[in-house]
Amino acid sequence: MNKDQSIGAVILVGGILGVVLYAYLLYAYAMVVLQITAFVAVAAILVILAWIGWTMATTPPPAPLEPEPAPMETGASASKAEKSTA
Protein backbone atom coordinates (compact mmCIF):
# COMPACT_ATOMS: atom_id res chain seq x y z
CA MET A 1 0.00 0.00 0.00
CA ASN A 2 1.55 3.32 -1.03
CA LYS A 3 1.31 6.64 0.79
CA ASP A 4 -1.73 7.91 -1.16
CA GLN A 5 -3.67 4.73 -0.44
CA SER A 6 -2.79 4.97 3.26
CA ILE A 7 -4.00 8.56 3.41
CA GLY A 8 -7.15 7.53 1.57
CA ALA A 9 -7.80 4.73 4.05
CA VAL A 10 -7.36 7.14 6.99
CA ILE A 11 -9.76 9.62 5.38
CA LEU A 12 -12.28 6.81 4.76
CA VAL A 13 -12.14 5.58 8.36
CA GLY A 14 -12.26 9.16 9.68
CA GLY A 15 -15.31 9.94 7.56
CA ILE A 16 -17.16 6.84 8.73
CA LEU A 17 -16.28 7.54 12.37
CA GLY A 18 -17.45 11.14 11.89
CA VAL A 19 -20.82 9.99 10.59
CA VAL A 20 -21.23 7.54 13.48
CA LEU A 21 -20.24 10.20 16.04
CA TYR A 22 -22.57 12.77 14.47
CA ALA A 23 -25.46 10.27 14.48
CA TYR A 24 -24.84 9.46 18.15
CA LEU A 25 -24.65 13.13 19.12
CA LEU A 26 -27.77 13.86 17.08
CA TYR A 27 -29.62 11.10 18.90
CA ALA A 28 -28.36 12.12 22.37
CA TYR A 29 -28.39 15.93 22.04
CA ALA A 30 -30.62 16.63 19.04
CA MET A 31 -31.44 20.31 19.55
CA VAL A 32 -27.92 21.43 20.44
CA VAL A 33 -26.33 19.46 17.58
CA LEU A 34 -28.84 20.86 15.05
CA GLN A 35 -28.25 24.38 16.31
CA ILE A 36 -24.48 24.00 16.03
CA THR A 37 -24.78 22.41 12.57
CA ALA A 38 -27.03 25.21 11.31
CA PHE A 39 -24.74 27.85 12.77
CA VAL A 40 -21.62 26.35 11.19
CA ALA A 41 -23.33 26.02 7.80
CA VAL A 42 -24.62 29.60 7.76
CA ALA A 43 -21.34 30.96 9.14
CA ALA A 44 -19.36 29.12 6.43
CA ILE A 45 -21.53 30.63 3.68
CA LEU A 46 -21.25 34.12 5.16
CA VAL A 47 -17.47 33.81 5.55
CA ILE A 48 -17.18 32.79 1.89
CA LEU A 49 -19.32 35.79 0.88
CA ALA A 50 -17.18 38.09 3.05
CA TRP A 51 -14.01 36.68 1.45
CA ILE A 52 -15.41 37.29 -2.04
CA GLY A 53 -16.36 40.84 -1.05
CA TRP A 54 -12.92 41.50 0.45
CA THR A 55 -11.23 40.17 -2.67
CA MET A 56 -13.39 42.32 -4.95
CA ALA A 57 -12.91 45.42 -2.79
CA THR A 58 -9.12 45.13 -2.52
CA THR A 59 -8.24 43.95 -6.03
CA PRO A 60 -7.32 46.78 -8.38
CA PRO A 61 -9.26 46.96 -11.63
CA PRO A 62 -7.62 45.36 -14.65
CA ALA A 63 -5.79 47.53 -17.14
CA PRO A 64 -7.95 48.53 -20.09
CA LEU A 65 -7.46 46.47 -23.20
CA GLU A 66 -5.84 48.25 -26.11
CA PRO A 67 -7.43 47.59 -29.49
CA GLU A 68 -5.14 45.73 -31.83
CA PRO A 69 -3.81 47.84 -34.69
CA ALA A 70 -5.13 46.97 -38.13
CA PRO A 71 -2.69 44.83 -40.10
CA MET A 72 -0.72 46.62 -42.77
CA GLU A 73 -1.76 45.65 -46.28
CA THR A 74 0.91 44.38 -48.59
CA GLY A 75 1.34 45.68 -52.10
CA ALA A 76 -0.40 42.74 -53.81
CA SER A 77 -3.43 42.71 -51.54
CA ALA A 78 -3.61 46.52 -51.58
CA SER A 79 -3.80 46.55 -55.37
CA LYS A 80 -6.56 43.87 -55.30
CA ALA A 81 -8.48 45.98 -52.79
CA GLU A 82 -8.13 49.07 -55.01
CA LYS A 83 -9.35 47.17 -58.06
CA SER A 84 -12.40 45.83 -56.24
CA THR A 85 -13.45 49.31 -55.06
CA ALA A 86 -12.97 50.88 -58.49
C-alpha atoms as a PDB file:
ATOM      1  CA  MET A   1       0.000   0.000   0.000  1.00  0.00           C
ATOM      2  CA  ASN A   2       1.554   3.323  -1.035  1.00  0.00           C
ATOM      3  CA  LYS A   3       1.311   6.638   0.790  1.00  0.00           C
ATOM      4  CA  ASP A   4      -1.728   7.907  -1.157  1.00  0.00           C
ATOM      5  CA  GLN A   5      -3.666   4.735  -0.437  1.00  0.00           C
ATOM      6  CA  SER A   6      -2.788   4.973   3.264  1.00  0.00           C
ATOM      7  CA  ILE A   7      -3.998   8.558   3.411  1.00  0.00           C
ATOM      8  CA  GLY A   8      -7.154   7.526   1.566  1.00  0.00           C
ATOM      9  CA  ALA A   9      -7.798   4.731   4.051  1.00  0.00           C
ATOM     10  CA  VAL A  10      -7.362   7.142   6.986  1.00  0.00           C
ATOM     11  CA  ILE A  11      -9.764   9.617   5.378  1.00  0.00           C
ATOM     12  CA  LEU A  12     -12.279   6.811   4.760  1.00  0.00           C
ATOM     13  CA  VAL A  13     -12.143   5.581   8.361  1.00  0.00           C
ATOM     14  CA  GLY A  14     -12.264   9.156   9.679  1.00  0.00           C
ATOM     15  CA  GLY A  15     -15.309   9.943   7.560  1.00  0.00           C
ATOM     16  CA  ILE A  16     -17.162   6.835   8.733  1.00  0.00           C
ATOM     17  CA  LEU A  17     -16.284   7.544  12.373  1.00  0.00           C
ATOM     18  CA  GLY A  18     -17.446  11.139  11.892  1.00  0.00           C
ATOM     19  CA  VAL A  19     -20.824   9.989  10.588  1.00  0.00           C
ATOM     20  CA  VAL A  20     -21.230   7.542  13.480  1.00  0.00           C
ATOM     21  CA  LEU A  21     -20.237  10.202  16.039  1.00  0.00           C
ATOM     22  CA  TYR A  22     -22.573  12.770  14.469  1.00  0.00           C
ATOM     23  CA  ALA A  23     -25.458  10.267  14.480  1.00  0.00           C
ATOM     24  CA  TYR A  24     -24.844   9.463  18.153  1.00  0.00           C
ATOM     25  CA  LEU A  25     -24.653  13.130  19.121  1.00  0.00           C
ATOM     26  CA  LEU A  26     -27.768  13.863  17.080  1.00  0.00           C
ATOM     27  CA  TYR A  27     -29.615  11.102  18.902  1.00  0.00           C
ATOM     28  CA  ALA A  28     -28.360  12.121  22.367  1.00  0.00           C
ATOM     29  CA  TYR A  29     -28.389  15.929  22.042  1.00  0.00           C
ATOM     30  CA  ALA A  30     -30.619  16.632  19.037  1.00  0.00           C
ATOM     31  CA  MET A  31     -31.438  20.308  19.555  1.00  0.00           C
ATOM     32  CA  VAL A  32     -27.915  21.434  20.436  1.00  0.00           C
ATOM     33  CA  VAL A  33     -26.333  19.459  17.579  1.00  0.00           C
ATOM     34  CA  LEU A  34     -28.842  20.860  15.051  1.00  0.00           C
ATOM     35  CA  GLN A  35     -28.250  24.385  16.310  1.00  0.00           C
ATOM     36  CA  ILE A  36     -24.484  24.000  16.033  1.00  0.00           C
ATOM     37  CA  THR A  37     -24.781  22.414  12.574  1.00  0.00           C
ATOM     38  CA  ALA A  38     -27.027  25.206  11.305  1.00  0.00           C
ATOM     39  CA  PHE A  39     -24.742  27.854  12.770  1.00  0.00           C
ATOM     40  CA  VAL A  40     -21.621  26.350  11.193  1.00  0.00           C
ATOM     41  CA  ALA A  41     -23.327  26.018   7.795  1.00  0.00           C
ATOM     42  CA  VAL A  42     -24.619  29.598   7.763  1.00  0.00           C
ATOM     43  CA  ALA A  43     -21.339  30.958   9.136  1.00  0.00           C
ATOM     44  CA  ALA A  44     -19.357  29.118   6.428  1.00  0.00           C
ATOM     45  CA  ILE A  45     -21.527  30.632   3.676  1.00  0.00           C
ATOM     46  CA  LEU A  46     -21.249  34.122   5.157  1.00  0.00           C
ATOM     47  CA  VAL A  47     -17.474  33.808   5.552  1.00  0.00           C
ATOM     48  CA  ILE A  48     -17.182  32.794   1.893  1.00  0.00           C
ATOM     49  CA  LEU A  49     -19.317  35.787   0.879  1.00  0.00           C
ATOM     50  CA  ALA A  50     -17.180  38.091   3.049  1.00  0.00           C
ATOM     51  CA  TRP A  51     -14.008  36.685   1.454  1.00  0.00           C
ATOM     52  CA  ILE A  52     -15.408  37.287  -2.041  1.00  0.00           C
ATOM     53  CA  GLY A  53     -16.357  40.844  -1.051  1.00  0.00           C
ATOM     54  CA  TRP A  54     -12.924  41.503   0.449  1.00  0.00           C
ATOM     55  CA  THR A  55     -11.225  40.172  -2.670  1.00  0.00           C
ATOM     56  CA  MET A  56     -13.390  42.320  -4.952  1.00  0.00           C
ATOM     57  CA  ALA A  57     -12.906  45.416  -2.788  1.00  0.00           C
ATOM     58  CA  THR A  58      -9.123  45.134  -2.515  1.00  0.00           C
ATOM     59  CA  THR A  59      -8.236  43.946  -6.030  1.00  0.00           C
ATOM     60  CA  PRO A  60      -7.318  46.781  -8.380  1.00  0.00           C
ATOM     61  CA  PRO A  61      -9.255  46.957 -11.627  1.00  0.00           C
ATOM     62  CA  PRO A  62      -7.623  45.363 -14.648  1.00  0.00           C
ATOM     63  CA  ALA A  63      -5.788  47.532 -17.136  1.00  0.00           C
ATOM     64  CA  PRO A  64      -7.950  48.529 -20.088  1.00  0.00           C
ATOM     65  CA  LEU A  65      -7.455  46.473 -23.197  1.00  0.00           C
ATOM     66  CA  GLU A  66      -5.835  48.252 -26.108  1.00  0.00           C
ATOM     67  CA  PRO A  67      -7.431  47.590 -29.486  1.00  0.00           C
ATOM     68  CA  GLU A  68      -5.144  45.727 -31.825  1.00  0.00           C
ATOM     69  CA  PRO A  69      -3.813  47.844 -34.693  1.00  0.00           C
ATOM     70  CA  ALA A  70      -5.129  46.972 -38.132  1.00  0.00           C
ATOM     71  CA  PRO A  71      -2.687  44.827 -40.097  1.00  0.00           C
ATOM     72  CA  MET A  72      -0.724  46.621 -42.775  1.00  0.00           C
ATOM     73  CA  GLU A  73      -1.762  45.651 -46.277  1.00  0.00           C
ATOM     74  CA  THR A  74       0.915  44.377 -48.593  1.00  0.00           C
ATOM     75  CA  GLY A  75       1.336  45.684 -52.099  1.00  0.00           C
ATOM     76  CA  ALA A  76      -0.401  42.740 -53.812  1.00  0.00           C
ATOM     77  CA  SER A  77      -3.432  42.707 -51.543  1.00  0.00           C
ATOM     78  CA  ALA A  78      -3.613  46.516 -51.579  1.00  0.00           C
ATOM     79  CA  SER A  79      -3.805  46.551 -55.373  1.00  0.00           C
ATOM     80  CA  LYS A  80      -6.555  43.874 -55.299  1.00  0.00           C
ATOM     81  CA  ALA A  81      -8.481  45.980 -52.792  1.00  0.00           C
ATOM     82  CA  GLU A  82      -8.133  49.073 -55.007  1.00  0.00           C
ATOM     83  CA  LYS A  83      -9.349  47.172 -58.062  1.00  0.00           C
ATOM     84  CA  SER A  84     -12.403  45.833 -56.243  1.00  0.00           C
ATOM     85  CA  THR A  85     -13.452  49.314 -55.056  1.00  0.00           C
ATOM     86  CA  ALA A  86     -12.971  50.881 -58.486  1.00  0.00           C
END
